[in-house]
Amino acid sequence: MAKEELGLTTEYQYGFKDPDRSVFKSEAGLSREVVATISEMKGEPGWMRDLRLRALEIFWEKPLPT
């Protein structure tokens, strides 16, 4: 179904929006570098960074749903 058929527009018609105040902006997608950078920014211990990186590897090993 097309957006027009659902009555959706590309602009938010009510005019309310919050400004983007992100502390960190990464490139699109996940990588070991992005995970490590975020972990460093959060001040996490090395074991937590390693746990997150291992979880990322497990995620990459899993098949994508069809």
PDB file of N, CA and C in Angstrom:
ATOM      1  N   MET A   1       0.847  -1.179   0.000  1.00  0.00           N
ATOM      2  CA  MET A   1       0.000   0.000   0.000  1.00  0.00           C
ATOM      3  C   MET A   1       0.894   1.244   0.000  1.00  0.00           C
ATOM      4  N   ALA A   2       0.574   2.212  -0.800  1.00  0.00           N
ATOM      5  CA  ALA A   2       1.358   3.432  -0.909  1.00  0.00           C
ATOM      6  C   ALA A   2       1.090   4.353   0.280  1.00  0.00           C
ATOM      7  N   LYS A   3       2.057   5.212   0.559  1.00  0.00           N
ATOM      8  CA  LYS A   3       1.907   6.168   1.658  1.00  0.00           C
ATOM      9  C   LYS A   3       0.683   7.060   1.472  1.00  0.00           C
ATOM     10  N   GLU A   4       0.447   7.445   0.224  1.00  0.00           N
ATOM     11  CA  GLU A   4      -0.687   8.321  -0.052  1.00  0.00           C
ATOM     12  C   GLU A   4      -2.010   7.638   0.291  1.00  0.00           C
ATOM     13  N   GLU A   5      -2.083   6.338   0.015  1.00  0.00           N
ATOM     14  CA  GLU A   5      -3.309   5.594   0.305  1.00  0.00           C
ATOM     15  C   GLU A   5      -3.577   5.514   1.803  1.00  0.00           C
ATOM     16  N   LEU A   6      -2.512   5.543   2.586  1.00  0.00           N
ATOM     17  CA  LEU A   6      -2.655   5.473   4.042  1.00  0.00           C
ATOM     18  C   LEU A   6      -2.821   6.849   4.673  1.00  0.00           C
ATOM     19  N   GLY A   7      -2.717   7.895   3.866  1.00  0.00           N
ATOM     20  CA  GLY A   7      -2.852   9.246   4.397  1.00  0.00           C
ATOM     21  C   GLY A   7      -1.580   9.738   5.079  1.00  0.00           C
ATOM     22  N   LEU A   8      -0.435   9.141   4.749  1.00  0.00           N
ATOM     23  CA  LEU A   8       0.830   9.540   5.354  1.00  0.00           C
ATOM     24  C   LEU A   8       1.515  10.580   4.484  1.00  0.00           C
ATOM     25  N   THR A   9       2.199  11.504   5.133  1.00  0.00           N
ATOM     26  CA  THR A   9       2.970  12.508   4.407  1.00  0.00           C
ATOM     27  C   THR A   9       4.416  12.424   4.855  1.00  0.00           C
ATOM     28  N   THR A  10       5.295  13.030   4.093  1.00  0.00           N
ATOM     29  CA  THR A  10       6.707  13.025   4.466  1.00  0.00           C
ATOM     30  C   THR A  10       7.008  14.047   5.548  1.00  0.00           C
ATOM     31  N   GLU A  11       6.208  15.081   5.665  1.00  0.00           N
ATOM     32  CA  GLU A  11       6.385  16.115   6.678  1.00  0.00           C
ATOM     33  C   GLU A  11       5.455  15.865   7.852  1.00  0.00           C
ATOM     34  N   TYR A  12       5.951  16.115   9.053  1.00  0.00           N
ATOM     35  CA  TYR A  12       5.127  15.991  10.243  1.00  0.00           C
ATOM     36  C   TYR A  12       4.231  17.222  10.307  1.00  0.00           C
ATOM     37  N   GLN A  13       2.951  17.026  10.160  1.00  0.00           N
ATOM     38  CA  GLN A  13       2.024  18.142   9.953  1.00  0.00           C
ATOM     39  C   GLN A  13       1.720  18.970  11.202  1.00  0.00           C
ATOM     40  N   TYR A  14       2.045  18.499  12.394  1.00  0.00           N
ATOM     41  CA  TYR A  14       1.689  19.225  13.606  1.00  0.00           C
ATOM     42  C   TYR A  14       2.779  20.178  14.075  1.00  0.00           C
ATOM     43  N   GLY A  15       3.944  20.131  13.439  1.00  0.00           N
ATOM     44  CA  GLY A  15       4.980  21.109  13.712  1.00  0.00           C
ATOM     45  C   GLY A  15       5.801  20.867  14.954  1.00  0.00           C
ATOM     46  N   PHE A  16       5.519  19.832  15.731  1.00  0.00           N
ATOM     47  CA  PHE A  16       6.282  19.589  16.950  1.00  0.00           C
ATOM     48  C   PHE A  16       7.431  18.644  16.663  1.00  0.00           C
ATOM     49  N   LYS A  17       8.627  19.048  17.051  1.00  0.00           N
ATOM     50  CA  LYS A  17       9.770  18.145  16.959  1.00  0.00           C
ATOM     51  C   LYS A  17      10.858  18.645  17.895  1.00  0.00           C
ATOM     52  N   ASP A  18      11.652  17.711  18.389  1.00  0.00           N
ATOM     53  CA  ASP A  18      12.770  18.049  19.263  1.00  0.00           C
ATOM     54  C   ASP A  18      14.043  18.139  18.434  1.00  0.00           C
ATOM     55  N   PRO A  19      14.914  19.081  18.784  1.00  0.00           N
ATOM     56  CA  PRO A  19      16.182  19.148  18.056  1.00  0.00           C
ATOM     57  C   PRO A  19      17.049  17.941  18.407  1.00  0.00           C
ATOM     58  N   ASP A  20      17.875  17.527  17.458  1.00  0.00           N
ATOM     59  CA  ASP A  20      18.786  16.413  17.678  1.00  0.00           C
ATOM     60  C   ASP A  20      19.946  16.890  18.546  1.00  0.00           C
ATOM     61  N   ARG A  21      20.093  16.296  19.729  1.00  0.00           N
ATOM     62  CA  ARG A  21      21.182  16.661  20.631  1.00  0.00           C
ATOM     63  C   ARG A  21      22.042  15.437  20.935  1.00  0.00           C
ATOM     64  N   SER A  22      22.390  14.696  19.909  1.00  0.00           N
ATOM     65  CA  SER A  22      23.171  13.479  20.091  1.00  0.00           C
ATOM     66  C   SER A  22      24.581  13.807  20.572  1.00  0.00           C
ATOM     67  N   VAL A  23      25.083  12.974  21.457  1.00  0.00           N
ATOM     68  CA  VAL A  23      26.438  13.120  21.953  1.00  0.00           C
ATOM     69  C   VAL A  23      27.408  12.456  20.984  1.00  0.00           C
ATOM     70  N   PHE A  24      26.947  11.401  20.328  1.00  0.00           N
ATOM     71  CA  PHE A  24      27.799  10.624  19.440  1.00  0.00           C
ATOM     72  C   PHE A  24      27.021  10.249  18.190  1.00  0.00           C
ATOM     73  N   LYS A  25      27.630  10.446  17.038  1.00  0.00           N
ATOM     74  CA  LYS A  25      27.028  10.020  15.771  1.00  0.00           C
ATOM     75  C   LYS A  25      28.020   9.093  15.089  1.00  0.00           C
ATOM     76  N   SER A  26      27.559   7.887  14.781  1.00  0.00           N
ATOM     77  CA  SER A  26      28.425   6.922  14.115  1.00  0.00           C
ATOM     78  C   SER A  26      28.019   6.786  12.659  1.00  0.00           C
ATOM     79  N   GLU A  27      28.864   6.093  11.910  1.00  0.00           N
ATOM     80  CA  GLU A  27      28.487   5.792  10.534  1.00  0.00           C
ATOM     81  C   GLU A  27      27.369   4.759  10.565  1.00  0.00           C
ATOM     82  N   ALA A  28      26.752   4.529   9.449  1.00  0.00           N
ATOM     83  CA  ALA A  28      25.648   3.573   9.378  1.00  0.00           C
ATOM     84  C   ALA A  28      26.153   2.156   9.629  1.00  0.00           C
ATOM     85  N   GLY A  29      25.365   1.367  10.313  1.00  0.00           N
ATOM     86  CA  GLY A  29      25.703  -0.029  10.553  1.00  0.00           C
ATOM     87  C   GLY A  29      26.511  -0.232  11.823  1.00  0.00           C
ATOM     88  N   LEU A  30      26.760  -1.508  12.117  1.00  0.00           N
ATOM     89  CA  LEU A  30      27.551  -1.870  13.287  1.00  0.00           C
ATOM     90  C   LEU A  30      28.903  -2.397  12.857  1.00  0.00           C
ATOM     91  N   SER A  31      29.916  -2.040  13.605  1.00  0.00           N
ATOM     92  CA  SER A  31      31.255  -2.566  13.378  1.00  0.00           C
ATOM     93  C   SER A  31      31.938  -2.690  14.730  1.00  0.00           C
ATOM     94  N   ARG A  32      33.043  -3.404  14.750  1.00  0.00           N
ATOM     95  CA  ARG A  32      33.817  -3.538  15.990  1.00  0.00           C
ATOM     96  C   ARG A  32      34.266  -2.147  16.477  1.00  0.00           C
ATOM     97  N   GLU A  33      34.618  -1.284  15.553  1.00  0.00           N
ATOM     98  CA  GLU A  33      35.096   0.050  15.915  1.00  0.00           C
ATOM     99  C   GLU A  33      33.995   0.881  16.577  1.00  0.00           C
ATOM    100  N   VAL A  34      32.774   0.797  16.034  1.00  0.00           N
ATOM    101  CA  VAL A  34      31.652   1.549  16.606  1.00  0.00           C
ATOM    102  C   VAL A  34      31.354   1.054  18.013  1.00  0.00           C
ATOM    103  N   VAL A  35      31.294  -0.262  18.190  1.00  0.00           N
ATOM    104  CA  VAL A  35      31.016  -0.830  19.516  1.00  0.00           C
ATOM    105  C   VAL A  35      32.102  -0.426  20.513  1.00  0.00           C
ATOM    106  N   ALA A  36      33.360  -0.525  20.107  1.00  0.00           N
ATOM    107  CA  ALA A  36      34.463  -0.162  21.000  1.00  0.00           C
ATOM    108  C   ALA A  36      34.445   1.325  21.344  1.00  0.00           C
ATOM    109  N   THR A  37      34.135   2.166  20.367  1.00  0.00           N
ATOM    110  CA  THR A  37      34.082   3.613  20.610  1.00  0.00           C
ATOM    111  C   THR A  37      32.968   3.967  21.588  1.00  0.00           C
ATOM    112  N   ILE A  38      31.800   3.386  21.403  1.00  0.00           N
ATOM    113  CA  ILE A  38      30.682   3.656  22.307  1.00  0.00           C
ATOM    114  C   ILE A  38      31.019   3.179  23.720  1.00  0.00           C
ATOM    115  N   SER A  39      31.619   1.999  23.824  1.00  0.00           N
ATOM    116  CA  SER A  39      32.000   1.469  25.125  1.00  0.00           C
ATOM    117  C   SER A  39      33.005   2.392  25.817  1.00  0.00           C
ATOM    118  N   GLU A  40      33.959   2.903  25.039  1.00  0.00           N
ATOM    119  CA  GLU A  40      34.953   3.824  25.596  1.00  0.00           C
ATOM    120  C   GLU A  40      34.303   5.124  26.054  1.00  0.00           C
ATOM    121  N   MET A  41      33.381   5.647  25.244  1.00  0.00           N
ATOM    122  CA  MET A  41      32.696   6.892  25.606  1.00  0.00           C
ATOM    123  C   MET A  41      31.906   6.740  26.900  1.00  0.00           C
ATOM    124  N   LYS A  42      31.344   5.539  27.120  1.00  0.00           N
ATOM    125  CA  LYS A  42      30.553   5.286  28.319  1.00  0.00           C
ATOM    126  C   LYS A  42      31.427   4.979  29.528  1.00  0.00           C
ATOM    127  N   GLY A  43      32.737   4.842  29.326  1.00  0.00           N
ATOM    128  CA  GLY A  43      33.637   4.561  30.427  1.00  0.00           C
ATOM    129  C   GLY A  43      33.500   3.138  30.962  1.00  0.00           C
ATOM    130  N   GLU A  44      33.114   2.205  30.101  1.00  0.00           N
ATOM    131  CA  GLU A  44      32.914   0.827  30.532  1.00  0.00           C
ATOM    132  C   GLU A  44      34.251   0.119  30.729  1.00  0.00           C
ATOM    133  N   PRO A  45      34.292  -0.850  31.635  1.00  0.00           N
ATOM    134  CA  PRO A  45      35.520  -1.626  31.832  1.00  0.00           C
ATOM    135  C   PRO A  45      35.785  -2.516  30.614  1.00  0.00           C
ATOM    136  N   GLY A  46      37.009  -2.975  30.487  1.00  0.00           N
ATOM    137  CA  GLY A  46      37.412  -3.788  29.347  1.00  0.00           C
ATOM    138  C   GLY A  46      36.608  -5.060  29.182  1.00  0.00           C
ATOM    139  N   TRP A  47      36.227  -5.687  30.304  1.00  0.00           N
ATOM    140  CA  TRP A  47      35.467  -6.935  30.209  1.00  0.00           C
ATOM    141  C   TRP A  47      34.098  -6.702  29.574  1.00  0.00           C
ATOM    142  N   MET A  48      33.514  -5.528  29.819  1.00  0.00           N
ATOM    143  CA  MET A  48      32.210  -5.223  29.232  1.00  0.00           C
ATOM    144  C   MET A  48      32.346  -4.983  27.730  1.00  0.00           C
ATOM    145  N   ARG A  49      33.393  -4.256  27.333  1.00  0.00           N
ATOM    146  CA  ARG A  49      33.644  -4.039  25.901  1.00  0.00           C
ATOM    147  C   ARG A  49      33.845  -5.379  25.202  1.00  0.00           C
ATOM    148  N   ASP A  50      34.646  -6.265  25.812  1.00  0.00           N
ATOM    149  CA  ASP A  50      34.894  -7.581  25.224  1.00  0.00           C
ATOM    150  C   ASP A  50      33.604  -8.392  25.113  1.00  0.00           C
ATOM    151  N   LEU A  51      32.746  -8.300  26.122  1.00  0.00           N
ATOM    152  CA  LEU A  51      31.464  -9.002  26.095  1.00  0.00           C
ATOM    153  C   LEU A  51      30.597  -8.484  24.946  1.00  0.00           C
ATOM    154  N   ARG A  52      30.563  -7.175  24.780  1.00  0.00           N
ATOM    155  CA  ARG A  52      29.780  -6.584  23.691  1.00  0.00           C
ATOM    156  C   ARG A  52      30.337  -6.976  22.320  1.00  0.00           C
ATOM    157  N   LEU A  53      31.654  -7.006  22.196  1.00  0.00           N
ATOM    158  CA  LEU A  53      32.261  -7.395  20.928  1.00  0.00           C
ATOM    159  C   LEU A  53      31.986  -8.865  20.617  1.00  0.00           C
ATOM    160  N   ARG A  54      32.011  -9.718  21.633  1.00  0.00           N
ATOM    161  CA  ARG A  54      31.687 -11.136  21.425  1.00  0.00           C
ATOM    162  C   ARG A  54      30.227 -11.283  21.013  1.00  0.00           C
ATOM    163  N   ALA A  55      29.346 -10.521  21.628  1.00  0.00           N
ATOM    164  CA  ALA A  55      27.926 -10.558  21.257  1.00  0.00           C
ATOM    165  C   ALA A  55      27.743 -10.118  19.804  1.00  0.00           C
ATOM    166  N   LEU A  56      28.509  -9.135  19.358  1.00  0.00           N
ATOM    167  CA  LEU A  56      28.437  -8.682  17.972  1.00  0.00           C
ATOM    168  C   LEU A  56      28.877  -9.801  17.031  1.00  0.00           C
ATOM    169  N   GLU A  57      29.935 -10.517  17.384  1.00  0.00           N
ATOM    170  CA  GLU A  57      30.392 -11.639  16.563  1.00  0.00           C
ATOM    171  C   GLU A  57      29.318 -12.730  16.473  1.00  0.00           C
ATOM    172  N   ILE A  58      28.667 -13.026  17.592  1.00  0.00           N
ATOM    173  CA  ILE A  58      27.584 -14.021  17.587  1.00  0.00           C
ATOM    174  C   ILE A  58      26.442 -13.551  16.699  1.00  0.00           C
ATOM    175  N   PHE A  59      26.105 -12.280  16.779  1.00  0.00           N
ATOM    176  CA  PHE A  59      25.051 -11.709  15.940  1.00  0.00           C
ATOM    177  C   PHE A  59      25.380 -11.898  14.461  1.00  0.00           C
ATOM    178  N   TRP A  60      26.646 -11.611  14.090  1.00  0.00           N
ATOM    179  CA  TRP A  60      27.052 -11.747  12.693  1.00  0.00           C
ATOM    180  C   TRP A  60      27.009 -13.197  12.220  1.00  0.00           C
ATOM    181  N   GLU A  61      27.221 -14.147  13.122  1.00  0.00           N
ATOM    182  CA  GLU A  61      27.219 -15.571  12.764  1.00  0.00           C
ATOM    183  C   GLU A  61      25.806 -16.113  12.525  1.00  0.00           C
ATOM    184  N   LYS A  62      24.812 -15.477  13.098  1.00  0.00           N
ATOM    185  CA  LYS A  62      23.421 -15.952  12.978  1.00  0.00           C
ATOM    186  C   LYS A  62      22.883 -15.665  11.582  1.00  0.00           C
ATOM    187  N   PRO A  63      22.074 -16.568  11.053  1.00  0.00           N
ATOM    188  CA  PRO A  63      21.469 -16.299   9.737  1.00  0.00           C
ATOM    189  C   PRO A  63      20.384 -15.219   9.858  1.00  0.00           C
ATOM    190  N   LEU A  64      20.258 -14.457   8.802  1.00  0.00           N
ATOM    191  CA  LEU A  64      19.201 -13.434   8.765  1.00  0.00           C
ATOM    192  C   LEU A  64      17.847 -14.117   8.551  1.00  0.00           C
ATOM    193  N   PRO A  65      16.816 -13.590   9.150  1.00  0.00           N
ATOM    194  CA  PRO A  65      15.491 -14.174   8.929  1.00  0.00           C
ATOM    195  C   PRO A  65      15.064 -13.995   7.476  1.00  0.00           C
ATOM    196  N   THR A  66      14.284 -14.942   7.005  1.00  0.00           N
ATOM    197  CA  THR A  66      13.811 -14.856   5.618  1.00  0.00           C
ATOM    198  C   THR A  66      12.316 -14.603   5.593  1.00  0.00           C
TER     199      THR A  66
END
